[in-house]
Structure formats: structure tokens, C-alpha cells
Amino acid sequence: AMSKSAVKISSDLLANPLCEQEPSFLEMVTAFDTAMKRMDSFNQEKVGEGSWGCQGVMEWWQCHGIMEFSSVFPSLNAAVKRREQTLQDYKRLQSKVEKYEEKERTGPVLAKLHQ
């Protein structure tokens, strides 16, 4: 089901009007679509054989160079990194708030808690 979804996503991307406007985007999406279709056919083949295992999947991904697609959408990778950094900042600040909430409620503690 995952590979079928990936093929659907790649097909939808190919239908995007941006592909008509940007030849470089069309090239990347076409490569992505081809890779997803190959992955789906590989999955169907492996399911039919009944020999589906993690090692086989990793070997296939490495042999077919799919890992390079992490660089196809750099803005997505940047957004994931920003989210991780923001999440770490949130957790750090949340622990500070919890620490100040446990302390006695004096003027300086309330001021820092408000900050």
C-alpha cells in the first residue's frame, strides 16, 4: 500500500502545472516517478515471492540510488531540520518552566516564569 501511495504521489506531482513551467522540476519529478514505479514493481515482485525482508529492501534502495532523492527537495529537508531544532528548543524551555513552577512563588521566580 505504501508503494502504491508513493506512485500516486509521484503521478500527482507530474500532473502539477509547475512541471510545465519549470523544466528542471519536471526532470526531478520524472526521475522520482520512475523510481517510485520501479520500487512498486519490485515490491509486487517480492510480495509474490514471499521473500520480503529488511535486508532485501535496503539492498534494493542502495542499488537503485533512491537515497539521492533526499536532495531533490532541499526545502523539505530544511523544514524538517527547523522543526527538529524548534522541538528541541521547546523541550528545553518546557523543562525550565517546570523547574520554575516547582519553586516557591517569589517575585523573581514569577518574573522568570512569565518570561
C-alpha atoms as a PDB file:
ATOM      1  CA  ALA A   1       0.000   0.000   0.000  1.00  0.00           C
ATOM      2  CA  MET A   2       2.897   2.354   0.749  1.00  0.00           C
ATOM      3  CA  SER A   3       4.482   1.875  -2.641  1.00  0.00           C
ATOM      4  CA  LYS A   4       1.105   2.364  -4.327  1.00  0.00           C
ATOM      5  CA  SER A   5       0.740   5.628  -2.388  1.00  0.00           C
ATOM      6  CA  ALA A   6       4.221   6.708  -3.450  1.00  0.00           C
ATOM      7  CA  VAL A   7       3.338   6.045  -7.096  1.00  0.00           C
ATOM      8  CA  LYS A   8       0.127   8.065  -6.667  1.00  0.00           C
ATOM      9  CA  ILE A   9       2.060  10.967  -5.143  1.00  0.00           C
ATOM     10  CA  SER A  10       4.637  10.933  -7.927  1.00  0.00           C
ATOM     11  CA  SER A  11       1.880  10.809 -10.557  1.00  0.00           C
ATOM     12  CA  ASP A  12       0.110  13.731  -8.891  1.00  0.00           C
ATOM     13  CA  LEU A  13       3.360  15.689  -8.890  1.00  0.00           C
ATOM     14  CA  LEU A  14       3.758  15.031 -12.610  1.00  0.00           C
ATOM     15  CA  ALA A  15       0.276  16.471 -13.171  1.00  0.00           C
ATOM     16  CA  ASN A  16       1.228  19.648 -11.307  1.00  0.00           C
ATOM     17  CA  PRO A  17       1.222  22.750 -13.561  1.00  0.00           C
ATOM     18  CA  LEU A  18       4.638  23.695 -12.162  1.00  0.00           C
ATOM     19  CA  CYS A  19       6.095  20.832 -14.234  1.00  0.00           C
ATOM     20  CA  GLU A  20       5.064  22.668 -17.392  1.00  0.00           C
ATOM     21  CA  GLN A  21       6.664  25.894 -16.197  1.00  0.00           C
ATOM     22  CA  GLU A  22       9.918  24.536 -14.755  1.00  0.00           C
ATOM     23  CA  PRO A  23      11.839  22.010 -16.882  1.00  0.00           C
ATOM     24  CA  SER A  24      14.249  21.254 -14.021  1.00  0.00           C
ATOM     25  CA  PHE A  25      11.331  20.445 -11.698  1.00  0.00           C
ATOM     26  CA  LEU A  26       9.809  18.232 -14.397  1.00  0.00           C
ATOM     27  CA  GLU A  27      13.102  16.365 -14.722  1.00  0.00           C
ATOM     28  CA  MET A  28      13.335  15.740 -10.977  1.00  0.00           C
ATOM     29  CA  VAL A  29       9.693  14.687 -10.680  1.00  0.00           C
ATOM     30  CA  THR A  30      10.024  12.381 -13.682  1.00  0.00           C
ATOM     31  CA  ALA A  31      13.054  10.718 -12.088  1.00  0.00           C
ATOM     32  CA  PHE A  32      11.156  10.425  -8.814  1.00  0.00           C
ATOM     33  CA  ASP A  33       8.130   8.951 -10.610  1.00  0.00           C
ATOM     34  CA  THR A  34      10.301   6.403 -12.408  1.00  0.00           C
ATOM     35  CA  ALA A  35      11.970   5.402  -9.149  1.00  0.00           C
ATOM     36  CA  MET A  36       8.650   5.024  -7.356  1.00  0.00           C
ATOM     37  CA  LYS A  37       7.237   2.873 -10.172  1.00  0.00           C
ATOM     38  CA  ARG A  38      10.353   0.693 -10.077  1.00  0.00           C
ATOM     39  CA  MET A  39      10.041   0.406  -6.312  1.00  0.00           C
ATOM     40  CA  ASP A  40       6.377  -0.583  -6.630  1.00  0.00           C
ATOM     41  CA  SER A  41       7.131  -3.265  -9.225  1.00  0.00           C
ATOM     42  CA  PHE A  42       9.957  -4.549  -7.016  1.00  0.00           C
ATOM     43  CA  ASN A  43       7.593  -4.661  -4.037  1.00  0.00           C
ATOM     44  CA  GLN A  44       4.965  -6.548  -6.027  1.00  0.00           C
ATOM     45  CA  GLU A  45       7.618  -8.998  -7.199  1.00  0.00           C
ATOM     46  CA  LYS A  46       8.907  -9.583  -3.657  1.00  0.00           C
ATOM     47  CA  VAL A  47       5.419  -9.957  -2.205  1.00  0.00           C
ATOM     48  CA  GLY A  48       4.671 -12.528  -4.880  1.00  0.00           C
ATOM     49  CA  GLU A  49       7.815 -14.473  -3.955  1.00  0.00           C
ATOM     50  CA  GLY A  50       7.078 -14.232  -0.252  1.00  0.00           C
ATOM     51  CA  SER A  51      10.706 -13.246   0.431  1.00  0.00           C
ATOM     52  CA  TRP A  52      10.273  -9.789   1.879  1.00  0.00           C
ATOM     53  CA  GLY A  53      12.888  -8.753   4.423  1.00  0.00           C
ATOM     54  CA  CYS A  54      14.580  -5.623   5.699  1.00  0.00           C
ATOM     55  CA  GLN A  55      17.940  -6.559   4.226  1.00  0.00           C
ATOM     56  CA  GLY A  56      16.441  -7.018   0.780  1.00  0.00           C
ATOM     57  CA  VAL A  57      14.737  -3.635   0.942  1.00  0.00           C
ATOM     58  CA  MET A  58      17.920  -1.844   1.989  1.00  0.00           C
ATOM     59  CA  GLU A  59      19.923  -3.526  -0.754  1.00  0.00           C
ATOM     60  CA  TRP A  60      17.350  -2.525  -3.338  1.00  0.00           C
ATOM     61  CA  TRP A  61      17.311   1.099  -2.171  1.00  0.00           C
ATOM     62  CA  GLN A  62      21.097   1.274  -2.270  1.00  0.00           C
ATOM     63  CA  CYS A  63      21.400  -0.445  -5.659  1.00  0.00           C
ATOM     64  CA  HIS A  64      18.868   1.825  -7.305  1.00  0.00           C
ATOM     65  CA  GLY A  65      20.177   5.063  -5.877  1.00  0.00           C
ATOM     66  CA  ILE A  66      16.895   6.140  -4.289  1.00  0.00           C
ATOM     67  CA  MET A  67      18.794   7.615  -1.354  1.00  0.00           C
ATOM     68  CA  GLU A  68      19.848  10.504  -3.592  1.00  0.00           C
ATOM     69  CA  PHE A  69      16.260  11.751  -3.619  1.00  0.00           C
ATOM     70  CA  SER A  70      16.757  13.230  -0.166  1.00  0.00           C
ATOM     71  CA  SER A  71      18.486  16.069  -2.020  1.00  0.00           C
ATOM     72  CA  VAL A  72      15.663  16.501  -4.559  1.00  0.00           C
ATOM     73  CA  PHE A  73      13.547  18.539  -2.173  1.00  0.00           C
ATOM     74  CA  PRO A  74      16.050  20.586  -0.133  1.00  0.00           C
ATOM     75  CA  SER A  75      13.362  22.887   1.242  1.00  0.00           C
ATOM     76  CA  LEU A  76      11.620  19.863   2.741  1.00  0.00           C
ATOM     77  CA  ASN A  77      14.855  18.734   4.383  1.00  0.00           C
ATOM     78  CA  ALA A  78      15.430  22.251   5.719  1.00  0.00           C
ATOM     79  CA  ALA A  79      11.902  22.351   7.125  1.00  0.00           C
ATOM     80  CA  VAL A  80      12.436  19.025   8.882  1.00  0.00           C
ATOM     81  CA  LYS A  81      15.686  20.317  10.406  1.00  0.00           C
ATOM     82  CA  ARG A  82      13.989  23.547  11.532  1.00  0.00           C
ATOM     83  CA  ARG A  83      11.175  21.525  13.090  1.00  0.00           C
ATOM     84  CA  GLU A  84      13.636  19.328  14.977  1.00  0.00           C
ATOM     85  CA  GLN A  85      15.517  22.393  16.239  1.00  0.00           C
ATOM     86  CA  THR A  86      12.279  24.089  17.294  1.00  0.00           C
ATOM     87  CA  LEU A  87      11.151  20.918  19.047  1.00  0.00           C
ATOM     88  CA  GLN A  88      14.443  20.753  20.972  1.00  0.00           C
ATOM     89  CA  ASP A  89      14.091  24.426  21.939  1.00  0.00           C
ATOM     90  CA  TYR A  90      10.515  23.816  23.077  1.00  0.00           C
ATOM     91  CA  LYS A  91      11.516  20.850  25.232  1.00  0.00           C
ATOM     92  CA  ARG A  92      14.370  22.834  26.770  1.00  0.00           C
ATOM     93  CA  LEU A  93      12.103  25.770  27.591  1.00  0.00           C
ATOM     94  CA  GLN A  94       9.338  23.476  28.856  1.00  0.00           C
ATOM     95  CA  SER A  95      11.754  21.903  31.343  1.00  0.00           C
ATOM     96  CA  LYS A  96      12.728  25.408  32.506  1.00  0.00           C
ATOM     97  CA  VAL A  97       9.065  26.298  33.037  1.00  0.00           C
ATOM     98  CA  GLU A  98       8.500  23.101  35.002  1.00  0.00           C
ATOM     99  CA  LYS A  99      11.533  23.889  37.149  1.00  0.00           C
ATOM    100  CA  TYR A 100      10.256  27.389  37.951  1.00  0.00           C
ATOM    101  CA  GLU A 101       6.735  26.069  38.658  1.00  0.00           C
ATOM    102  CA  GLU A 102       8.174  23.742  41.304  1.00  0.00           C
ATOM    103  CA  LYS A 103       9.982  26.580  43.090  1.00  0.00           C
ATOM    104  CA  GLU A 104       8.460  28.856  45.689  1.00  0.00           C
ATOM    105  CA  ARG A 105       6.418  31.633  44.088  1.00  0.00           C
ATOM    106  CA  THR A 106       8.520  34.697  44.829  1.00  0.00           C
ATOM    107  CA  GLY A 107       8.848  37.853  42.759  1.00  0.00           C
ATOM    108  CA  PRO A 108      11.954  36.871  40.777  1.00  0.00           C
ATOM    109  CA  VAL A 109      10.659  33.326  40.142  1.00  0.00           C
ATOM    110  CA  LEU A 110       7.300  34.646  38.904  1.00  0.00           C
ATOM    111  CA  ALA A 111       9.077  37.135  36.636  1.00  0.00           C
ATOM    112  CA  LYS A 112      11.229  34.373  35.099  1.00  0.00           C
ATOM    113  CA  LEU A 113       8.216  32.093  34.818  1.00  0.00           C
ATOM    114  CA  HIS A 114       6.330  34.839  32.971  1.00  0.00           C
ATOM    115  CA  GLN A 115       9.270  35.247  30.569  1.00  0.00           C
END
